[in-house]
Amino acid sequence: MNPKTIEWSKLEFKYSYTPYRFQARWKEGRWCEERLVTDNKISIDEGSTCLHYGQEIFEGMKAQRTKDGRIMLFRPHENAARFRRSAARILMAEVPEDLFMRGITEVVKANLDYVPPYGTGASLYIRPFQIGVGENLGVKPAPEYIFAVFVCPVGPYFKAGFKTIKLKVDDYYDRAARHGIGPAKAGGNYSASLLPLKIARDEGFNEIVYLDPVEHKYFEETGASNVFFVFKDGSLATPKSESILESITRRSLITVAGEEFGLDMTERRVSVDEIENIAEMGACGTAAVITPVGCLGYRGKTYKLYADGQEAGPITTKLYKYLTAYQIGDVPDKFGWLEEVK
């Protein structure tokens, strides 16, 4: 991919090679071999725990240009903290915050030509990940770990951009188990969603929203994002559960809703029995920021939301416009969430 010939506004959300990535290795109790590399292939031992026992975690982040050409990261220290929590949950060596931040910033600076221009709707997606490697056979933590970061210029997560999608409410499959690794951003949580997502797409839906794994009664999250609701009485809520990922975007929306717009977005258990009272719904995460939900399919019945499911609702739109403008520096950084890559 030649940055001089990229049509930035036509980029899709998919992998593409960029010249540099960052790698570090943990062995004998410490992180070492920290460096930028050009090879996008990793050679590991066949007994590595990431291949057999799922010792793998990752994060998703973006670097975006402001109107004056600066490059901004959105709440990167929160990603670093969540990365450490994920590592602790599945007994991996934790990456210190300074190493995490160094890996991100070095890769972005090394691939500056691939940070899309302001106003194109594209961004430089950042993927930090960690895998358990080394000679191993038994079910136990890996003897070594690789921490790596690569980047790709990408377009919107959903091809249509900020357009409504159709969600299937899945009351059969579970995304994660109660007291399991649902709160960790681990690969196993995403592999579990592949089959039910295929089934849903074969039925004409874009994504799935899961219910809780105990009663199959309360909304949890989609396979790749948290969710929030605007009800017909004007109240806002986002699911509270011990088995969902703690989304940085969702936490940001809670703050924005309350402190910028005077809206009270509560965290509570949201029952599927409330489905007829939902006026608006959004899926929120790093890749799409906010994707408006137009309709929900549940047990053979379709529930259309705002404007008969054809348009994003006014509150969802307001939150989306503010947060996306915030991330590219178009509104003041009143919460101190932006960090410039220098």
Protein backbone atom coordinates (compact mmCIF):
# COMPACT_ATOMS: atom_id res chain seq x y z
CA MET A 1 0.00 0.00 0.00
CA ASN A 2 1.55 3.25 -1.19
CA PRO A 3 0.39 6.20 0.96
CA LYS A 4 0.72 8.53 -2.04
CA THR A 5 -1.97 6.63 -3.95
CA ILE A 6 -4.38 5.73 -1.16
CA GLU A 7 -7.95 6.94 -1.65
CA TRP A 8 -8.49 7.69 2.02
CA SER A 9 -12.25 8.22 1.87
CA LYS A 10 -12.72 4.82 0.20
CA LEU A 11 -10.79 2.73 2.71
CA GLU A 12 -12.46 -0.33 4.16
CA PHE A 13 -12.01 -1.70 7.66
CA LYS A 14 -9.48 -4.41 6.85
CA TYR A 15 -5.85 -5.35 7.36
CA SER A 16 -3.15 -3.80 5.19
CA TYR A 17 0.62 -3.90 5.48
CA THR A 18 2.45 -0.87 6.84
CA PRO A 19 6.26 -0.69 7.03
CA TYR A 20 6.86 -0.88 10.80
CA ARG A 21 5.58 -2.66 13.87
CA PHE A 22 6.84 -2.84 17.47
CA GLN A 23 7.78 -6.01 19.34
CA ALA A 24 9.06 -6.89 22.80
CA ARG A 25 9.63 -10.26 24.48
CA TRP A 26 9.18 -11.32 28.10
CA LYS A 27 11.52 -14.06 29.27
CA GLU A 28 13.36 -14.93 32.45
CA GLY A 29 11.12 -12.56 34.37
CA ARG A 30 11.63 -9.35 32.40
CA TRP A 31 10.74 -7.53 29.17
CA CYS A 32 13.55 -7.26 26.64
CA GLU A 33 14.32 -7.14 22.90
CA GLU A 34 12.17 -4.01 22.46
CA ARG A 35 12.42 -2.82 18.87
CA LEU A 36 10.73 -1.75 15.66
CA VAL A 37 10.68 -4.44 12.96
CA THR A 38 9.57 -4.58 9.33
CA ASP A 39 8.58 -8.26 9.11
CA ASN A 40 4.86 -8.82 9.68
CA LYS A 41 5.35 -12.54 10.30
CA ILE A 42 6.02 -14.02 13.77
CA SER A 43 7.78 -17.36 14.24
CA ILE A 44 6.79 -19.20 17.44
CA ASP A 45 7.23 -22.62 19.01
CA GLU A 46 4.56 -25.21 18.15
CA GLY A 47 3.87 -25.72 21.85
CA SER A 48 3.04 -22.05 22.47
CA THR A 49 0.09 -21.55 24.81
CA CYS A 50 -1.55 -19.04 22.46
CA LEU A 51 -2.05 -21.89 19.98
CA HIS A 52 -3.46 -24.46 22.40
CA TYR A 53 -4.82 -22.76 25.51
CA GLY A 54 -5.87 -19.34 24.34
CA GLN A 55 -3.30 -17.17 26.12
CA GLU A 56 -3.88 -14.17 23.87
CA ILE A 57 -5.15 -10.65 24.53
CA PHE A 58 -5.43 -7.52 22.44
CA GLU A 59 -6.62 -3.92 22.32
CA GLY A 60 -8.13 -1.67 19.64
CA MET A 61 -7.19 2.01 19.34
CA LYS A 62 -7.02 4.79 16.76
CA ALA A 63 -4.68 7.62 15.82
CA GLN A 64 -6.39 10.52 14.05
CA ARG A 65 -5.32 13.87 12.65
CA THR A 66 -6.72 17.18 13.82
CA LYS A 67 -7.52 20.05 11.49
CA ASP A 68 -4.06 21.54 12.07
CA GLY A 69 -2.31 18.23 11.31
CA ARG A 70 -1.52 17.02 14.83
CA ILE A 71 -1.97 13.32 15.60
CA MET A 72 -4.14 12.37 18.57
CA LEU A 73 -4.77 9.24 20.60
CA PHE A 74 -8.01 8.89 22.57
CA ARG A 75 -7.60 7.82 26.21
CA PRO A 76 -4.61 5.52 25.54
CA HIS A 77 -3.78 5.08 29.22
CA GLU A 78 -7.19 3.48 29.70
CA ASN A 79 -6.29 0.93 27.02
CA ALA A 80 -3.01 0.27 28.80
CA ALA A 81 -4.82 -0.35 32.08
CA ARG A 82 -7.38 -2.67 30.48
CA PHE A 83 -4.56 -4.56 28.74
CA ARG A 84 -2.96 -5.22 32.13
CA ARG A 85 -6.29 -6.35 33.61
CA SER A 86 -6.80 -8.76 30.72
CA ALA A 87 -3.29 -10.14 31.21
CA ALA A 88 -3.83 -10.63 34.93
CA ARG A 89 -7.08 -12.54 34.32
CA ILE A 90 -5.41 -15.21 32.18
CA LEU A 91 -2.06 -15.23 34.00
CA MET A 92 0.10 -13.47 31.44
CA ALA A 93 3.06 -11.25 32.20
CA GLU A 94 1.71 -7.69 32.47
CA VAL A 95 3.00 -5.03 30.10
CA PRO A 96 4.00 -1.90 32.07
CA GLU A 97 2.24 1.29 31.00
CA ASP A 98 5.45 2.96 29.83
CA LEU A 99 6.25 -0.01 27.54
CA PHE A 100 2.67 -0.11 26.21
CA MET A 101 2.71 3.62 25.45
CA ARG A 102 6.21 3.46 23.91
CA GLY A 103 5.16 0.65 21.62
CA ILE A 104 2.11 2.57 20.40
CA THR A 105 3.79 5.91 19.86
CA GLU A 106 6.87 4.45 18.16
CA VAL A 107 4.74 2.54 15.66
CA VAL A 108 2.56 5.55 14.88
CA LYS A 109 5.58 7.81 14.40
CA ALA A 110 7.32 5.21 12.24
CA ASN A 111 4.23 5.00 10.00
CA LEU A 112 3.30 8.69 9.90
CA ASP A 113 2.56 8.64 6.17
CA TYR A 114 -0.26 6.18 6.84
CA VAL A 115 -2.16 8.39 9.27
CA PRO A 116 -5.12 9.54 7.12
CA PRO A 117 -5.67 13.25 6.49
CA TYR A 118 -8.21 15.19 8.55
CA GLY A 119 -11.74 15.12 7.20
CA THR A 120 -11.51 11.85 5.25
CA GLY A 121 -13.42 9.76 7.80
CA ALA A 122 -10.46 7.35 7.96
CA SER A 123 -8.07 6.67 10.83
CA LEU A 124 -4.93 4.73 11.67
CA TYR A 125 -6.13 1.67 13.56
CA ILE A 126 -3.73 0.47 16.26
CA ARG A 127 -3.68 -3.16 17.36
CA PRO A 128 -1.58 -3.96 20.46
CA PHE A 129 -1.60 -7.67 21.27
CA GLN A 130 0.16 -10.18 23.50
CA ILE A 131 0.59 -13.93 23.04
CA GLY A 132 1.98 -16.73 25.15
CA VAL A 133 4.90 -18.44 23.41
CA GLY A 134 7.77 -20.85 24.06
CA GLU A 135 8.19 -24.59 24.51
CA ASN A 136 5.20 -25.94 26.39
CA LEU A 137 2.77 -28.87 26.47
CA GLY A 138 0.76 -28.80 29.70
CA VAL A 139 -2.09 -26.45 30.62
CA LYS A 140 -0.11 -23.76 32.39
CA PRO A 141 1.06 -20.17 31.76
CA ALA A 142 3.59 -19.69 28.98
CA PRO A 143 7.32 -19.50 29.72
CA GLU A 144 7.64 -16.46 27.41
CA TYR A 145 5.42 -13.75 25.94
CA ILE A 146 5.50 -11.50 22.91
CA PHE A 147 4.00 -8.02 23.08
CA ALA A 148 3.51 -6.46 19.66
CA VAL A 149 1.79 -3.49 18.02
CA PHE A 150 0.85 -3.07 14.37
CA VAL A 151 -1.16 -0.39 12.58
CA CYS A 152 -3.38 -0.15 9.47
CA PRO A 153 -5.17 2.79 7.86
CA VAL A 154 -8.88 1.95 7.89
CA GLY A 155 -12.27 3.28 6.94
CA PRO A 156 -15.54 2.83 8.90
CA TYR A 157 -16.13 -0.49 10.67
CA PHE A 158 -19.50 -0.80 8.97
CA LYS A 159 -19.33 0.04 5.25
CA ALA A 160 -22.37 2.31 5.42
CA GLY A 161 -20.78 4.46 8.12
CA PHE A 162 -23.21 6.14 10.56
CA LYS A 163 -26.25 4.27 9.29
CA THR A 164 -28.66 2.05 11.17
CA ILE A 165 -28.01 -1.66 11.47
CA LYS A 166 -30.19 -4.65 12.34
CA LEU A 167 -29.42 -6.62 15.50
CA LYS A 168 -30.61 -10.08 16.39
CA VAL A 169 -31.29 -10.63 20.07
CA ASP A 170 -29.74 -14.04 20.69
CA ASP A 171 -31.28 -15.99 23.57
CA TYR A 172 -29.56 -19.29 22.77
CA TYR A 173 -25.82 -18.70 22.40
CA ASP A 174 -23.73 -17.05 25.11
CA ARG A 175 -20.85 -14.68 24.46
CA ALA A 176 -19.19 -15.48 27.80
CA ALA A 177 -19.84 -17.40 31.00
CA ARG A 178 -20.74 -15.86 34.33
CA HIS A 179 -17.52 -15.47 36.35
CA GLY A 180 -15.62 -16.30 33.16
CA ILE A 181 -13.26 -14.18 31.05
CA GLY A 182 -15.95 -11.93 29.56
CA PRO A 183 -14.40 -8.74 31.03
CA ALA A 184 -11.01 -9.56 29.46
CA LYS A 185 -10.29 -8.53 25.88
CA ALA A 186 -9.19 -12.05 25.05
CA GLY A 187 -9.39 -13.85 21.73
CA GLY A 188 -11.58 -16.66 23.07
CA ASN A 189 -14.47 -14.28 23.66
CA TYR A 190 -14.47 -13.37 19.99
CA SER A 191 -14.06 -16.87 18.57
CA ALA A 192 -17.17 -17.85 20.54
CA SER A 193 -19.17 -15.26 18.58
CA LEU A 194 -18.26 -16.44 15.06
CA LEU A 195 -20.90 -19.16 14.63
CA PRO A 196 -23.87 -17.22 16.07
CA LEU A 197 -22.83 -14.18 14.04
CA LYS A 198 -22.80 -16.24 10.83
CA ILE A 199 -26.25 -17.57 11.63
CA ALA A 200 -27.55 -14.06 12.28
CA ARG A 201 -26.08 -12.70 9.05
CA ASP A 202 -27.57 -15.58 7.10
CA GLU A 203 -30.91 -14.41 8.53
CA GLY A 204 -30.35 -10.84 7.32
CA PHE A 205 -28.96 -9.20 10.48
CA ASN A 206 -25.73 -7.21 10.78
CA GLU A 207 -24.80 -8.27 14.30
CA ILE A 208 -25.96 -10.04 17.46
CA VAL A 209 -26.75 -8.62 20.86
CA TYR A 210 -26.37 -11.29 23.53
CA LEU A 211 -28.42 -11.82 26.66
CA ASP A 212 -26.99 -12.74 30.04
CA PRO A 213 -25.61 -16.28 30.36
CA VAL A 214 -27.66 -17.19 33.45
CA GLU A 215 -31.30 -16.24 32.80
CA HIS A 216 -31.10 -15.23 29.13
CA LYS A 217 -33.21 -12.24 30.11
CA TYR A 218 -30.93 -9.20 30.35
CA PHE A 219 -29.08 -7.42 27.55
CA GLU A 220 -25.30 -7.79 27.59
CA GLU A 221 -23.35 -6.61 24.49
CA THR A 222 -22.75 -7.47 20.85
CA GLY A 223 -19.90 -9.65 19.67
CA ALA A 224 -17.66 -6.61 19.20
CA SER A 225 -19.15 -3.68 21.13
CA ASN A 226 -21.10 -2.50 24.16
CA VAL A 227 -24.62 -1.10 23.78
CA PHE A 228 -26.77 1.66 25.23
CA PHE A 229 -30.49 2.46 25.12
CA VAL A 230 -32.70 5.53 24.99
CA PHE A 231 -36.19 4.74 26.25
CA LYS A 232 -39.49 6.32 25.27
CA ASP A 233 -39.68 8.12 28.62
CA GLY A 234 -36.39 9.90 27.81
CA SER A 235 -34.19 7.88 30.17
CA LEU A 236 -30.88 6.35 29.09
CA ALA A 237 -29.28 3.12 30.25
CA THR A 238 -26.39 0.83 29.47
CA PRO A 239 -26.19 -2.78 30.68
CA LYS A 240 -24.50 -3.53 33.97
CA SER A 241 -22.99 -6.99 34.03
CA GLU A 242 -19.93 -8.79 35.33
CA SER A 243 -19.50 -10.73 32.07
CA ILE A 244 -19.12 -7.89 29.54
CA LEU A 245 -16.06 -5.96 28.43
CA GLU A 246 -15.55 -2.61 30.12
CA SER A 247 -15.68 -0.39 27.06
CA ILE A 248 -13.67 2.83 27.10
CA THR A 249 -16.06 4.30 24.53
CA ARG A 250 -19.06 3.44 26.69
CA ARG A 251 -17.50 5.03 29.76
CA SER A 252 -16.77 8.12 27.70
CA LEU A 253 -20.39 8.27 26.53
CA ILE A 254 -21.65 8.08 30.10
CA THR A 255 -19.50 11.11 30.96
CA VAL A 256 -20.45 13.03 27.83
CA ALA A 257 -24.16 12.33 28.24
CA GLY A 258 -24.15 13.64 31.79
CA GLU A 259 -21.65 16.48 31.79
CA GLU A 260 -22.12 17.83 28.27
CA PHE A 261 -25.81 17.24 27.62
CA GLY A 262 -27.33 16.86 31.09
CA LEU A 263 -28.57 13.33 30.37
CA ASP A 264 -28.46 10.62 33.00
CA MET A 265 -27.20 7.39 31.47
CA THR A 266 -27.52 4.82 34.23
CA GLU A 267 -25.74 1.48 34.39
CA ARG A 268 -28.31 -1.16 35.24
CA ARG A 269 -29.67 -4.53 34.20
CA VAL A 270 -31.79 -3.93 31.10
CA SER A 271 -34.38 -6.65 30.59
CA VAL A 272 -35.43 -7.90 27.17
CA ASP A 273 -38.97 -7.39 28.47
CA GLU A 274 -38.33 -3.64 28.02
CA ILE A 275 -37.81 -4.04 24.28
CA GLU A 276 -41.09 -2.34 23.32
CA ASN A 277 -40.10 0.75 25.33
CA ILE A 278 -36.80 1.29 23.49
CA ALA A 279 -36.83 4.45 21.37
CA GLU A 280 -33.18 4.46 20.31
CA MET A 281 -30.24 2.10 20.65
CA GLY A 282 -26.56 2.33 19.85
CA ALA A 283 -23.63 -0.08 19.66
CA CYS A 284 -20.45 1.60 20.89
CA GLY A 285 -16.76 0.71 20.63
CA THR A 286 -13.42 1.87 19.29
CA ALA A 287 -13.86 0.80 15.68
CA ALA A 288 -17.28 2.32 14.95
CA VAL A 289 -17.48 4.77 17.91
CA ILE A 290 -21.31 4.60 17.77
CA THR A 291 -23.44 2.63 15.34
CA PRO A 292 -27.18 3.34 15.54
CA VAL A 293 -29.48 0.34 15.75
CA GLY A 294 -32.57 0.59 13.54
CA CYS A 295 -34.36 -2.58 14.54
CA LEU A 296 -34.12 -5.58 16.82
CA GLY A 297 -35.14 -9.11 15.89
CA TYR A 298 -36.29 -11.23 18.82
CA ARG A 299 -37.99 -14.62 18.67
CA GLY A 300 -39.26 -14.10 15.17
CA LYS A 301 -40.60 -10.58 15.74
CA THR A 302 -39.05 -7.34 14.47
CA TYR A 303 -39.03 -4.25 16.69
CA LYS A 304 -38.36 -1.06 14.76
CA LEU A 305 -36.86 1.88 16.62
CA TYR A 306 -36.67 5.59 15.77
CA ALA A 307 -38.13 6.68 12.38
CA ASP A 308 -39.32 3.15 11.63
CA GLY A 309 -35.74 1.90 11.86
CA GLN A 310 -34.48 4.00 8.95
CA GLU A 311 -32.69 6.80 10.80
CA ALA A 312 -30.50 7.26 13.86
CA GLY A 313 -32.34 8.87 16.75
CA PRO A 314 -31.56 12.44 17.86
CA ILE A 315 -29.79 11.51 21.11
CA THR A 316 -27.69 8.79 19.47
CA THR A 317 -26.76 11.25 16.72
CA LYS A 318 -25.89 13.98 19.21
CA LEU A 319 -23.59 11.66 21.17
CA TYR A 320 -21.94 10.38 17.99
CA LYS A 321 -21.26 13.84 16.58
CA TYR A 322 -19.81 15.11 19.83
CA LEU A 323 -17.55 12.13 20.53
CA THR A 324 -16.20 11.88 16.97
CA ALA A 325 -15.54 15.64 16.94
CA TYR A 326 -13.82 15.32 20.31
CA GLN A 327 -11.49 12.59 19.07
CA ILE A 328 -10.17 14.78 16.22
CA GLY A 329 -9.85 17.93 18.31
CA ASP A 330 -12.85 19.79 16.88
CA VAL A 331 -14.21 20.47 20.37
CA PRO A 332 -12.19 21.47 23.47
CA ASP A 333 -10.50 18.62 25.35
CA LYS A 334 -12.40 19.44 28.54
CA PHE A 335 -11.96 15.96 30.02
CA GLY A 336 -8.25 15.59 29.23
CA TRP A 337 -8.80 12.52 27.07
CA LEU A 338 -6.56 13.37 24.11
CA GLU A 339 -2.84 12.65 23.92
CA GLU A 340 -0.75 14.02 21.08
CA VAL A 341 1.82 11.83 19.37
CA LYS A 342 4.95 14.00 19.12
